[in-house]
PDB file of N, CA and C in Angstrom:
ATOM      1  N   UNK A   1      54.175  48.698  65.230  1.00  0.00           N
ATOM      2  CA  UNK A   1      53.783  49.363  64.790  1.00  0.00           C
ATOM      3  C   UNK A   1      52.948  50.334  64.613  1.00  0.00           C
ATOM      4  N   UNK A   2      52.855  51.338  64.088  1.00  0.00           N
ATOM      5  CA  UNK A   2      51.941  52.495  63.763  1.00  0.00           C
ATOM      6  C   UNK A   2      51.130  52.990  62.655  1.00  0.00           C
ATOM      7  N   UNK A   3      51.301  52.376  61.196  1.00  0.00           N
ATOM      8  CA  UNK A   3      51.127  52.746  60.013  1.00  0.00           C
ATOM      9  C   UNK A   3      50.709  50.712  59.719  1.00  0.00           C
ATOM     10  N   UNK A   4      49.167  50.984  58.636  1.00  0.00           N
ATOM     11  CA  UNK A   4      49.868  49.385  57.965  1.00  0.00           C
ATOM     12  C   UNK A   4      50.492  50.026  56.709  1.00  0.00           C
ATOM     13  N   UNK A   5      51.074  48.696  56.302  1.00  0.00           N
ATOM     14  CA  UNK A   5      52.532  48.064  54.824  1.00  0.00           C
ATOM     15  C   UNK A   5      52.018  46.772  54.397  1.00  0.00           C
ATOM     16  N   UNK A   6      52.639  47.164  53.613  1.00  0.00           N
ATOM     17  CA  UNK A   6      51.929  46.052  51.519  1.00  0.00           C
ATOM     18  C   UNK A   6      53.076  45.856  51.454  1.00  0.00           C
ATOM     19  N   UNK A   7      53.260  44.755  51.002  1.00  0.00           N
ATOM     20  CA  UNK A   7      54.335  43.928  50.567  1.00  0.00           C
ATOM     21  C   UNK A   7      54.476  42.988  49.802  1.00  0.00           C
ATOM     22  N   UNK A   8      55.869  42.959  48.018  1.00  0.00           N
ATOM     23  CA  UNK A   8      54.550  41.833  47.379  1.00  0.00           C
ATOM     24  C   UNK A   8      55.814  40.763  47.393  1.00  0.00           C
ATOM     25  N   UNK A   9      56.222  39.796  46.746  1.00  0.00           N
ATOM     26  CA  UNK A   9      56.985  38.977  46.651  1.00  0.00           C
ATOM     27  C   UNK A   9      57.669  39.428  45.523  1.00  0.00           C
ATOM     28  N   UNK A  10      56.927  39.200  44.519  1.00  0.00           N
ATOM     29  CA  UNK A  10      57.360  40.402  43.475  1.00  0.00           C
ATOM     30  C   UNK A  10      58.556  41.734  43.196  1.00  0.00           C
ATOM     31  N   UNK A  11      58.661  42.122  44.459  1.00  0.00           N
ATOM     32  CA  UNK A  11      59.210  43.298  44.410  1.00  0.00           C
ATOM     33  C   UNK A  11      59.915  42.803  45.841  1.00  0.00           C
ATOM     34  N   UNK A  12      60.919  41.885  45.766  1.00  0.00           N
ATOM     35  CA  UNK A  12      61.425  41.651  46.940  1.00  0.00           C
ATOM     36  C   UNK A  12      62.471  42.838  47.483  1.00  0.00           C
ATOM     37  N   UNK A  13      62.659  42.506  48.390  1.00  0.00           N
ATOM     38  CA  UNK A  13      63.728  43.415  49.302  1.00  0.00           C
ATOM     39  C   UNK A  13      64.805  43.331  48.740  1.00  0.00           C
ATOM     40  N   UNK A  14      65.631  41.565  49.153  1.00  0.00           N
ATOM     41  CA  UNK A  14      66.930  40.978  48.855  1.00  0.00           C
ATOM     42  C   UNK A  14      65.874  40.347  48.043  1.00  0.00           C
ATOM     43  N   UNK A  15      67.275  39.542  47.471  1.00  0.00           N
ATOM     44  CA  UNK A  15      67.521  37.776  46.850  1.00  0.00           C
ATOM     45  C   UNK A  15      68.362  37.402  46.449  1.00  0.00           C
ATOM     46  N   UNK A  16      68.619  35.866  46.872  1.00  0.00           N
ATOM     47  CA  UNK A  16      69.787  35.931  47.337  1.00  0.00           C
ATOM     48  C   UNK A  16      69.828  34.476  46.864  1.00  0.00           C
ATOM     49  N   UNK A  17      70.395  34.061  45.556  1.00  0.00           N
ATOM     50  CA  UNK A  17      70.539  32.824  44.919  1.00  0.00           C
ATOM     51  C   UNK A  17      71.590  32.311  45.897  1.00  0.00           C
ATOM     52  N   UNK A  18      71.152  30.891  45.289  1.00  0.00           N
ATOM     53  CA  UNK A  18      72.652  29.872  44.912  1.00  0.00           C
ATOM     54  C   UNK A  18      71.839  28.211  44.274  1.00  0.00           C
ATOM     55  N   UNK A  19      72.780  27.136  44.110  1.00  0.00           N
ATOM     56  CA  UNK A  19      72.761  26.614  43.099  1.00  0.00           C
ATOM     57  C   UNK A  19      71.239  25.906  42.906  1.00  0.00           C
ATOM     58  N   UNK A  20      70.292  26.467  41.984  1.00  0.00           N
ATOM     59  CA  UNK A  20      68.772  25.746  42.674  1.00  0.00           C
ATOM     60  C   UNK A  20      68.279  25.921  43.062  1.00  0.00           C
ATOM     61  N   UNK A  21      68.043  27.689  43.847  1.00  0.00           N
ATOM     62  CA  UNK A  21      67.617  28.064  43.936  1.00  0.00           C
ATOM     63  C   UNK A  21      67.888  29.155  44.930  1.00  0.00           C
ATOM     64  N   UNK A  22      66.698  29.491  45.655  1.00  0.00           N
ATOM     65  CA  UNK A  22      66.619  31.496  45.609  1.00  0.00           C
ATOM     66  C   UNK A  22      65.844  31.237  46.797  1.00  0.00           C
ATOM     67  N   UNK A  23      65.964  32.789  47.941  1.00  0.00           N
ATOM     68  CA  UNK A  23      65.124  32.654  48.953  1.00  0.00           C
ATOM     69  C   UNK A  23      65.483  34.571  47.912  1.00  0.00           C
ATOM     70  N   UNK A  24      63.404  35.413  48.659  1.00  0.00           N
ATOM     71  CA  UNK A  24      63.489  36.264  48.536  1.00  0.00           C
ATOM     72  C   UNK A  24      63.208  36.719  49.619  1.00  0.00           C
ATOM     73  N   UNK A  25      63.388  38.034  49.862  1.00  0.00           N
ATOM     74  CA  UNK A  25      62.906  38.789  51.195  1.00  0.00           C
ATOM     75  C   UNK A  25      62.168  39.779  51.571  1.00  0.00           C
ATOM     76  N   UNK A  26      61.713  39.806  52.695  1.00  0.00           N
ATOM     77  CA  UNK A  26      60.449  41.229  52.756  1.00  0.00           C
ATOM     78  C   UNK A  26      60.633  41.919  54.145  1.00  0.00           C
ATOM     79  N   UNK A  27      60.867  42.482  54.289  1.00  0.00           N
ATOM     80  CA  UNK A  27      60.994  43.368  55.562  1.00  0.00           C
ATOM     81  C   UNK A  27      59.788  43.870  55.193  1.00  0.00           C
ATOM     82  N   UNK A  28      58.815  43.948  56.943  1.00  0.00           N
ATOM     83  CA  UNK A  28      57.153  44.221  56.937  1.00  0.00           C
ATOM     84  C   UNK A  28      57.190  44.743  58.532  1.00  0.00           C
ATOM     85  N   UNK A  29      56.926  46.002  58.563  1.00  0.00           N
ATOM     86  CA  UNK A  29      56.782  45.378  60.157  1.00  0.00           C
ATOM     87  C   UNK A  29      58.151  45.071  61.720  1.00  0.00           C
ATOM     88  N   UNK A  30      58.466  45.379  60.272  1.00  0.00           N
ATOM     89  CA  UNK A  30      59.544  44.640  61.392  1.00  0.00           C
ATOM     90  C   UNK A  30      60.761  43.661  62.006  1.00  0.00           C
ATOM     91  N   UNK A  31      59.937  42.839  61.008  1.00  0.00           N
ATOM     92  CA  UNK A  31      60.355  41.193  60.187  1.00  0.00           C
ATOM     93  C   UNK A  31      60.549  41.496  59.515  1.00  0.00           C
ATOM     94  N   UNK A  32      60.677  39.669  59.064  1.00  0.00           N
ATOM     95  CA  UNK A  32      61.829  39.798  57.586  1.00  0.00           C
ATOM     96  C   UNK A  32      60.786  38.076  57.576  1.00  0.00           C
ATOM     97  N   UNK A  33      60.396  38.333  56.343  1.00  0.00           N
ATOM     98  CA  UNK A  33      59.435  37.443  56.368  1.00  0.00           C
ATOM     99  C   UNK A  33      60.091  36.374  54.440  1.00  0.00           C
ATOM    100  N   UNK A  34      60.396  35.634  54.104  1.00  0.00           N
ATOM    101  CA  UNK A  34      61.259  34.781  52.975  1.00  0.00           C
ATOM    102  C   UNK A  34      60.382  33.320  52.652  1.00  0.00           C
ATOM    103  N   UNK A  35      60.338  33.983  51.116  1.00  0.00           N
ATOM    104  CA  UNK A  35      59.842  33.133  50.131  1.00  0.00           C
ATOM    105  C   UNK A  35      61.061  31.792  49.997  1.00  0.00           C
ATOM    106  N   UNK A  36      61.525  31.622  49.757  1.00  0.00           N
ATOM    107  CA  UNK A  36      62.433  29.721  49.199  1.00  0.00           C
ATOM    108  C   UNK A  36      61.678  28.980  48.371  1.00  0.00           C
ATOM    109  N   UNK A  37      62.903  29.534  46.977  1.00  0.00           N
ATOM    110  CA  UNK A  37      62.019  28.043  45.968  1.00  0.00           C
ATOM    111  C   UNK A  37      63.299  27.633  46.061  1.00  0.00           C
ATOM    112  N   UNK A  38      62.847  26.024  45.926  1.00  0.00           N
ATOM    113  CA  UNK A  38      63.751  25.388  45.626  1.00  0.00           C
ATOM    114  C   UNK A  38      63.185  24.364  44.349  1.00  0.00           C
ATOM    115  N   UNK A  39      64.413  24.565  43.709  1.00  0.00           N
ATOM    116  CA  UNK A  39      64.437  23.203  42.103  1.00  0.00           C
ATOM    117  C   UNK A  39      64.392  22.211  42.170  1.00  0.00           C
ATOM    118  N   UNK A  40      63.993  20.926  41.438  1.00  0.00           N
ATOM    119  CA  UNK A  40      64.342  19.603  41.447  1.00  0.00           C
ATOM    120  C   UNK A  40      65.649  20.236  41.844  1.00  0.00           C
ATOM    121  N   UNK A  41      66.460  18.608  42.961  1.00  0.00           N
ATOM    122  CA  UNK A  41      67.930  18.458  43.014  1.00  0.00           C
ATOM    123  C   UNK A  41      68.188  19.336  43.556  1.00  0.00           C
ATOM    124  N   UNK A  42      67.638  20.251  44.034  1.00  0.00           N
ATOM    125  CA  UNK A  42      68.309  20.751  45.209  1.00  0.00           C
ATOM    126  C   UNK A  42      68.560  20.037  46.647  1.00  0.00           C
ATOM    127  N   UNK A  43      69.880  20.454  47.623  1.00  0.00           N
ATOM    128  CA  UNK A  43      70.224  19.922  48.930  1.00  0.00           C
ATOM    129  C   UNK A  43      70.581  20.749  49.553  1.00  0.00           C
ATOM    130  N   UNK A  44      70.580  20.921  50.668  1.00  0.00           N
ATOM    131  CA  UNK A  44      70.602  22.311  51.089  1.00  0.00           C
ATOM    132  C   UNK A  44      71.975  22.176  51.616  1.00  0.00           C
ATOM    133  N   UNK A  45      72.612  19.982  51.621  1.00  0.00           N
ATOM    134  CA  UNK A  45      73.856  19.390  51.577  1.00  0.00           C
ATOM    135  C   UNK A  45      74.524  20.156  50.488  1.00  0.00           C
ATOM    136  N   UNK A  46      73.832  20.838  49.403  1.00  0.00           N
ATOM    137  CA  UNK A  46      75.174  20.789  48.408  1.00  0.00           C
ATOM    138  C   UNK A  46      74.538  22.434  47.739  1.00  0.00           C
ATOM    139  N   UNK A  47      73.503  22.693  48.132  1.00  0.00           N
ATOM    140  CA  UNK A  47      73.785  24.055  47.506  1.00  0.00           C
ATOM    141  C   UNK A  47      73.822  25.518  48.586  1.00  0.00           C
ATOM    142  N   UNK A  48      73.287  25.059  49.471  1.00  0.00           N
ATOM    143  CA  UNK A  48      73.960  25.672  50.611  1.00  0.00           C
ATOM    144  C   UNK A  48      75.123  25.784  51.472  1.00  0.00           C
ATOM    145  N   UNK A  49      75.095  25.092  52.030  1.00  0.00           N
ATOM    146  CA  UNK A  49      76.366  24.574  53.000  1.00  0.00           C
ATOM    147  C   UNK A  49      78.008  24.663  52.149  1.00  0.00           C
ATOM    148  N   UNK A  50      78.091  24.460  50.939  1.00  0.00           N
ATOM    149  CA  UNK A  50      79.689  25.400  50.814  1.00  0.00           C
ATOM    150  C   UNK A  50      79.516  27.172  50.584  1.00  0.00           C
ATOM    151  N   UNK A  51      78.638  27.359  50.658  1.00  0.00           N
ATOM    152  CA  UNK A  51      78.116  28.799  51.471  1.00  0.00           C
ATOM    153  C   UNK A  51      78.549  29.313  52.494  1.00  0.00           C
ATOM    154  N   UNK A  52      77.665  28.597  53.469  1.00  0.00           N
ATOM    155  CA  UNK A  52      76.983  28.777  54.721  1.00  0.00           C
ATOM    156  C   UNK A  52      78.380  28.147  55.687  1.00  0.00           C
ATOM    157  N   UNK A  53      78.987  27.088  55.304  1.00  0.00           N
ATOM    158  CA  UNK A  53      80.243  26.716  56.012  1.00  0.00           C
ATOM    159  C   UNK A  53      79.601  25.169  57.288  1.00  0.00           C
ATOM    160  N   UNK A  54      78.985  25.292  57.010  1.00  0.00           N
ATOM    161  CA  UNK A  54      78.559  24.744  58.845  1.00  0.00           C
ATOM    162  C   UNK A  54      77.782  23.625  58.639  1.00  0.00           C
ATOM    163  N   UNK A  55      77.690  22.636  58.768  1.00  0.00           N
ATOM    164  CA  UNK A  55      77.769  20.869  59.192  1.00  0.00           C
ATOM    165  C   UNK A  55      76.590  20.686  58.526  1.00  0.00           C
ATOM    166  N   UNK A  56      75.710  21.520  58.883  1.00  0.00           N
ATOM    167  CA  UNK A  56      74.176  21.359  59.216  1.00  0.00           C
ATOM    168  C   UNK A  56      73.543  22.844  59.207  1.00  0.00           C
ATOM    169  N   UNK A  57      72.029  23.159  58.937  1.00  0.00           N
ATOM    170  CA  UNK A  57      71.705  23.790  58.411  1.00  0.00           C
ATOM    171  C   UNK A  57      71.210  24.381  59.650  1.00  0.00           C
ATOM    172  N   UNK A  58      71.977  25.687  60.240  1.00  0.00           N
ATOM    173  CA  UNK A  58      71.466  26.231  60.996  1.00  0.00           C
ATOM    174  C   UNK A  58      70.921  27.120  61.627  1.00  0.00           C
ATOM    175  N   UNK A  59      69.929  28.022  60.523  1.00  0.00           N
ATOM    176  CA  UNK A  59      68.894  28.546  60.608  1.00  0.00           C
ATOM    177  C   UNK A  59      67.515  27.529  60.939  1.00  0.00           C
ATOM    178  N   UNK A  60      67.115  27.710  62.515  1.00  0.00           N
ATOM    179  CA  UNK A  60      65.302  27.721  62.883  1.00  0.00           C
ATOM    180  C   UNK A  60      64.742  27.955  61.575  1.00  0.00           C
ATOM    181  N   UNK A  61      63.365  27.393  61.761  1.00  0.00           N
ATOM    182  CA  UNK A  61      62.633  27.312  60.655  1.00  0.00           C
ATOM    183  C   UNK A  61      61.364  27.161  61.170  1.00  0.00           C
ATOM    184  N   UNK A  62      60.368  28.574  60.946  1.00  0.00           N
ATOM    185  CA  UNK A  62      58.704  28.068  61.125  1.00  0.00           C
ATOM    186  C   UNK A  62      58.653  27.997  59.395  1.00  0.00           C
ATOM    187  N   UNK A  63      57.524  27.631  58.865  1.00  0.00           N
ATOM    188  CA  UNK A  63      57.208  27.990  57.373  1.00  0.00           C
ATOM    189  C   UNK A  63      56.173  26.799  57.317  1.00  0.00           C
ATOM    190  N   UNK A  64      55.324  27.878  56.053  1.00  0.00           N
ATOM    191  CA  UNK A  64      54.442  27.115  55.616  1.00  0.00           C
ATOM    192  C   UNK A  64      54.419  26.841  54.170  1.00  0.00           C
ATOM    193  N   UNK A  65      54.563  25.450  53.413  1.00  0.00           N
ATOM    194  CA  UNK A  65      54.829  24.691  52.194  1.00  0.00           C
ATOM    195  C   UNK A  65      54.088  24.756  51.837  1.00  0.00           C
ATOM    196  N   UNK A  66      54.291  25.675  50.858  1.00  0.00           N
ATOM    197  CA  UNK A  66      52.811  26.054  49.372  1.00  0.00           C
ATOM    198  C   UNK A  66      53.479  24.546  48.810  1.00  0.00           C
ATOM    199  N   UNK A  67      54.470  24.948  47.949  1.00  0.00           N
ATOM    200  CA  UNK A  67      54.524  23.508  46.848  1.00  0.00           C
ATOM    201  C   UNK A  67      55.106  22.961  46.835  1.00  0.00           C
ATOM    202  N   UNK A  68      55.702  21.751  45.936  1.00  0.00           N
ATOM    203  CA  UNK A  68      56.497  20.286  45.762  1.00  0.00           C
ATOM    204  C   UNK A  68      56.576  19.521  47.849  1.00  0.00           C
ATOM    205  N   UNK A  69      57.628  19.084  47.367  1.00  0.00           N
ATOM    206  CA  UNK A  69      57.635  17.799  48.559  1.00  0.00           C
ATOM    207  C   UNK A  69      59.978  18.422  48.767  1.00  0.00           C
ATOM    208  N   UNK A  70      58.878  18.469  50.571  1.00  0.00           N
ATOM    209  CA  UNK A  70      61.391  18.801  51.126  1.00  0.00           C
ATOM    210  C   UNK A  70      60.726  18.154  51.487  1.00  0.00           C
ATOM    211  N   UNK A  71      61.890  16.998  51.138  1.00  0.00           N
ATOM    212  CA  UNK A  71      61.886  16.056  52.608  1.00  0.00           C
ATOM    213  C   UNK A  71      63.305  16.388  53.804  1.00  0.00           C
ATOM    214  N   UNK A  72      63.030  16.931  54.799  1.00  0.00           N
ATOM    215  CA  UNK A  72      63.554  17.297  55.712  1.00  0.00           C
ATOM    216  C   UNK A  72      64.493  16.084  56.522  1.00  0.00           C
ATOM    217  N   UNK A  73      65.551  16.150  56.558  1.00  0.00           N
ATOM    218  CA  UNK A  73      66.136  15.100  58.083  1.00  0.00           C
ATOM    219  C   UNK A  73      66.922  15.107  59.426  1.00  0.00           C
ATOM    220  N   UNK A  74      67.017  15.226  60.565  1.00  0.00           N
ATOM    221  CA  UNK A  74      66.844  16.672  61.660  1.00  0.00           C
ATOM    222  C   UNK A  74      68.880  16.346  61.733  1.00  0.00           C
ATOM    223  N   UNK A  75      69.832  16.389  62.459  1.00  0.00           N
ATOM    224  CA  UNK A  75      70.515  16.250  62.950  1.00  0.00           C
ATOM    225  C   UNK A  75      70.826  14.829  64.187  1.00  0.00           C
ATOM    226  N   UNK A  76      69.516  14.113  64.641  1.00  0.00           N
ATOM    227  CA  UNK A  76      68.985  13.537  65.763  1.00  0.00           C
ATOM    228  C   UNK A  76      68.354  12.622  65.041  1.00  0.00           C
ATOM    229  N   UNK A  77      68.302  12.863  62.942  1.00  0.00           N
ATOM    230  CA  UNK A  77      67.734  11.391  62.550  1.00  0.00           C
ATOM    231  C   UNK A  77      67.016  11.329  62.172  1.00  0.00           C
ATOM    232  N   UNK A  78      65.079  12.386  62.828  1.00  0.00           N
ATOM    233  CA  UNK A  78      64.152  12.013  62.548  1.00  0.00           C
ATOM    234  C   UNK A  78      64.127  12.047  61.173  1.00  0.00           C
ATOM    235  N   UNK A  79      62.984  11.730  60.450  1.00  0.00           N
ATOM    236  CA  UNK A  79      62.711  12.490  59.011  1.00  0.00           C
ATOM    237  C   UNK A  79      61.588  12.377  58.778  1.00  0.00           C
ATOM    238  N   UNK A  80      61.629  13.133  57.993  1.00  0.00           N
ATOM    239  CA  UNK A  80      60.267  13.150  57.124  1.00  0.00           C
ATOM    240  C   UNK A  80      59.721  14.500  56.620  1.00  0.00           C
ATOM    241  N   UNK A  81      58.039  14.463  55.442  1.00  0.00           N
ATOM    242  CA  UNK A  81      58.424  14.598  53.994  1.00  0.00           C
ATOM    243  C   UNK A  81      57.416  16.043  54.583  1.00  0.00           C
ATOM    244  N   UNK A  82      57.523  17.213  53.918  1.00  0.00           N
ATOM    245  CA  UNK A  82      56.710  18.553  53.741  1.00  0.00           C
ATOM    246  C   UNK A  82      56.410  18.496  52.312  1.00  0.00           C
ATOM    247  N   UNK A  83      54.558  18.547  52.478  1.00  0.00           N
ATOM    248  CA  UNK A  83      53.786  18.398  51.604  1.00  0.00           C
ATOM    249  C   UNK A  83      53.035  19.868  51.594  1.00  0.00           C
ATOM    250  N   UNK A  84      52.696  20.523  50.798  1.00  0.00           N
ATOM    251  CA  UNK A  84      51.570  20.875  49.637  1.00  0.00           C
ATOM    252  C   UNK A  84      50.408  21.865  51.749  1.00  0.00           C
ATOM    253  N   UNK A  85      50.502  22.989  51.775  1.00  0.00           N
ATOM    254  CA  UNK A  85      49.279  23.136  53.029  1.00  0.00           C
ATOM    255  C   UNK A  85      49.561  23.248  54.453  1.00  0.00           C
ATOM    256  N   UNK A  86      51.028  22.017  54.608  1.00  0.00           N
ATOM    257  CA  UNK A  86      52.077  21.280  55.678  1.00  0.00           C
ATOM    258  C   UNK A  86      52.609  23.023  56.585  1.00  0.00           C
ATOM    259  N   UNK A  87      52.910  23.394  57.763  1.00  0.00           N
ATOM    260  CA  UNK A  87      53.910  24.246  58.310  1.00  0.00           C
ATOM    261  C   UNK A  87      54.133  23.249  59.120  1.00  0.00           C
ATOM    262  N   UNK A  88      55.456  23.974  59.125  1.00  0.00           N
ATOM    263  CA  UNK A  88      56.402  23.439  59.844  1.00  0.00           C
ATOM    264  C   UNK A  88      57.548  24.125  60.946  1.00  0.00           C
ATOM    265  N   UNK A  89      57.841  22.954  62.171  1.00  0.00           N
ATOM    266  CA  UNK A  89      59.141  24.074  62.938  1.00  0.00           C
ATOM    267  C   UNK A  89      59.661  23.360  62.886  1.00  0.00           C
ATOM    268  N   UNK A  90      60.887  23.332  62.459  1.00  0.00           N
ATOM    269  CA  UNK A  90      62.513  23.191  62.125  1.00  0.00           C
ATOM    270  C   UNK A  90      63.130  23.597  63.103  1.00  0.00           C
ATOM    271  N   UNK A  91      63.757  23.444  64.498  1.00  0.00           N
ATOM    272  CA  UNK A  91      64.805  23.613  64.975  1.00  0.00           C
ATOM    273  C   UNK A  91      66.340  23.727  64.664  1.00  0.00           C
ATOM    274  N   UNK A  92      67.534  24.165  64.659  1.00  0.00           N
ATOM    275  CA  UNK A  92      68.330  24.262  64.089  1.00  0.00           C
ATOM    276  C   UNK A  92      69.083  22.905  63.542  1.00  0.00           C
ATOM    277  N   UNK A  93      69.773  22.413  63.277  1.00  0.00           N
ATOM    278  CA  UNK A  93      70.439  20.957  63.252  1.00  0.00           C
ATOM    279  C   UNK A  93      69.969  19.896  62.112  1.00  0.00           C
ATOM    280  N   UNK A  94      69.958  20.444  60.411  1.00  0.00           N
ATOM    281  CA  UNK A  94      69.580  19.396  60.335  1.00  0.00           C
ATOM    282  C   UNK A  94      69.565  19.639  58.018  1.00  0.00           C
ATOM    283  N   UNK A  95      69.187  18.863  57.431  1.00  0.00           N
ATOM    284  CA  UNK A  95      69.537  19.132  55.992  1.00  0.00           C
ATOM    285  C   UNK A  95      68.147  18.958  55.748  1.00  0.00           C
ATOM    286  N   UNK A  96      67.540  19.146  54.325  1.00  0.00           N
ATOM    287  CA  UNK A  96      66.862  18.717  53.050  1.00  0.00           C
ATOM    288  C   UNK A  96      67.100  19.077  52.348  1.00  0.00           C
ATOM    289  N   UNK A  97      65.533  18.052  52.087  1.00  0.00           N
ATOM    290  CA  UNK A  97      66.561  18.528  50.077  1.00  0.00           C
ATOM    291  C   UNK A  97      65.232  18.004  49.132  1.00  0.00           C
ATOM    292  N   UNK A  98      64.725  18.596  47.888  1.00  0.00           N
ATOM    293  CA  UNK A  98      63.849  18.663  47.479  1.00  0.00           C
ATOM    294  C   UNK A  98      63.409  16.586  46.827  1.00  0.00           C
ATOM    295  N   UNK A  99      61.989  15.923  46.830  1.00  0.00           N
ATOM    296  CA  UNK A  99      61.630  14.896  46.493  1.00  0.00           C
ATOM    297  C   UNK A  99      60.741  15.991  45.084  1.00  0.00           C
ATOM    298  N   UNK A 100      61.130  14.646  43.526  1.00  0.00           N
ATOM    299  CA  UNK A 100      60.084  14.821  42.547  1.00  0.00           C
ATOM    300  C   UNK A 100      60.299  16.225  41.806  1.00  0.00           C
ATOM    301  N   UNK A 101      60.079  16.156  40.824  1.00  0.00           N
ATOM    302  CA  UNK A 101      60.919  17.032  39.179  1.00  0.00           C
ATOM    303  C   UNK A 101      59.209  18.194  40.156  1.00  0.00           C
ATOM    304  N   UNK A 102      58.944  18.508  41.244  1.00  0.00           N
ATOM    305  CA  UNK A 102      58.661  20.104  41.352  1.00  0.00           C
ATOM    306  C   UNK A 102      59.179  21.008  42.150  1.00  0.00           C
ATOM    307  N   UNK A 103      59.391  22.278  41.833  1.00  0.00           N
ATOM    308  CA  UNK A 103      60.115  22.407  42.799  1.00  0.00           C
ATOM    309  C   UNK A 103      59.547  22.441  44.253  1.00  0.00           C
ATOM    310  N   UNK A 104      59.702  22.740  45.462  1.00  0.00           N
ATOM    311  CA  UNK A 104      59.732  22.978  45.889  1.00  0.00           C
ATOM    312  C   UNK A 104      59.284  23.919  47.009  1.00  0.00           C
ATOM    313  N   UNK A 105      58.853  25.129  47.575  1.00  0.00           N
ATOM    314  CA  UNK A 105      58.201  26.762  47.225  1.00  0.00           C
ATOM    315  C   UNK A 105      57.491  26.409  48.765  1.00  0.00           C
ATOM    316  N   UNK A 106      58.656  27.560  49.765  1.00  0.00           N
ATOM    317  CA  UNK A 106      58.252  27.800  51.521  1.00  0.00           C
ATOM    318  C   UNK A 106      58.001  28.987  51.711  1.00  0.00           C
ATOM    319  N   UNK A 107      56.696  29.591  52.498  1.00  0.00           N
ATOM    320  CA  UNK A 107      57.915  31.043  52.812  1.00  0.00           C
ATOM    321  C   UNK A 107      57.501  31.075  54.913  1.00  0.00           C
ATOM    322  N   UNK A 108      58.764  31.088  55.105  1.00  0.00           N
ATOM    323  CA  UNK A 108      59.717  31.061  56.167  1.00  0.00           C
ATOM    324  C   UNK A 108      59.115  31.931  56.440  1.00  0.00           C
ATOM    325  N   UNK A 109      58.844  32.318  58.407  1.00  0.00           N
ATOM    326  CA  UNK A 109      58.349  33.257  59.014  1.00  0.00           C
ATOM    327  C   UNK A 109      59.572  33.953  60.103  1.00  0.00           C
ATOM    328  N   UNK A 110      60.162  32.612  60.123  1.00  0.00           N
ATOM    329  CA  UNK A 110      61.850  33.245  60.713  1.00  0.00           C
ATOM    330  C   UNK A 110      63.364  33.101  60.841  1.00  0.00           C
ATOM    331  N   UNK A 111      62.946  31.749  59.358  1.00  0.00           N
ATOM    332  CA  UNK A 111      64.743  31.559  59.693  1.00  0.00           C
ATOM    333  C   UNK A 111      65.704  32.268  58.325  1.00  0.00           C
ATOM    334  N   UNK A 112      64.972  33.092  57.526  1.00  0.00           N
ATOM    335  CA  UNK A 112      65.434  33.482  56.628  1.00  0.00           C
ATOM    336  C   UNK A 112      66.459  35.072  56.621  1.00  0.00           C
ATOM    337  N   UNK A 113      66.194  34.793  58.195  1.00  0.00           N
ATOM    338  CA  UNK A 113      67.659  36.452  58.311  1.00  0.00           C
ATOM    339  C   UNK A 113      68.583  36.629  57.435  1.00  0.00           C
ATOM    340  N   UNK A 114      69.124  35.168  57.704  1.00  0.00           N
ATOM    341  CA  UNK A 114      70.555  34.966  57.654  1.00  0.00           C
ATOM    342  C   UNK A 114      70.809  33.764  56.813  1.00  0.00           C
ATOM    343  N   UNK A 115      69.636  33.123  56.311  1.00  0.00           N
ATOM    344  CA  UNK A 115      69.421  32.302  55.410  1.00  0.00           C
ATOM    345  C   UNK A 115      70.568  32.209  54.748  1.00  0.00           C
ATOM    346  N   UNK A 116      72.063  31.326  53.717  1.00  0.00           N
ATOM    347  CA  UNK A 116      72.808  31.504  52.581  1.00  0.00           C
ATOM    348  C   UNK A 116      73.018  32.644  52.364  1.00  0.00           C
ATOM    349  N   UNK A 117      73.916  33.382  53.614  1.00  0.00           N
ATOM    350  CA  UNK A 117      74.224  34.159  53.544  1.00  0.00           C
ATOM    351  C   UNK A 117      75.377  33.825  54.156  1.00  0.00           C
ATOM    352  N   UNK A 118      76.395  34.314  52.883  1.00  0.00           N
ATOM    353  CA  UNK A 118      78.526  33.280  52.882  1.00  0.00           C
ATOM    354  C   UNK A 118      78.995  33.804  54.724  1.00  0.00           C
ATOM    355  N   UNK A 119      79.612  33.371  54.824  1.00  0.00           N
ATOM    356  CA  UNK A 119      80.852  33.782  56.440  1.00  0.00           C
ATOM    357  C   UNK A 119      82.104  34.167  55.728  1.00  0.00           C
TER     358      UNK A 119
END
């Protein structure tokens, strides 16, 4: 890293849309950071799974939760809710869905490079 850099999610390098949500990607300093906006009613199993055709989400996530509530169900049965201000680390093998009437917004520092990319 030789130079300072600045990017903004208002001008993402790439946007991937899927039912009831989208991911905005910025690449900076050799890393890709994603902001996901999941609308009320979004669920990975119904919005993204038909695109990627895997049993559960295989993308690992290291994310900061900006707004809304996201319920996580790991393949091993572990469940929890992520609230604004939470930081979550999710290995491969999970489902997730929005709880309530507010969009869930997360900034992901790890798992968005291939997220919701059709296979």
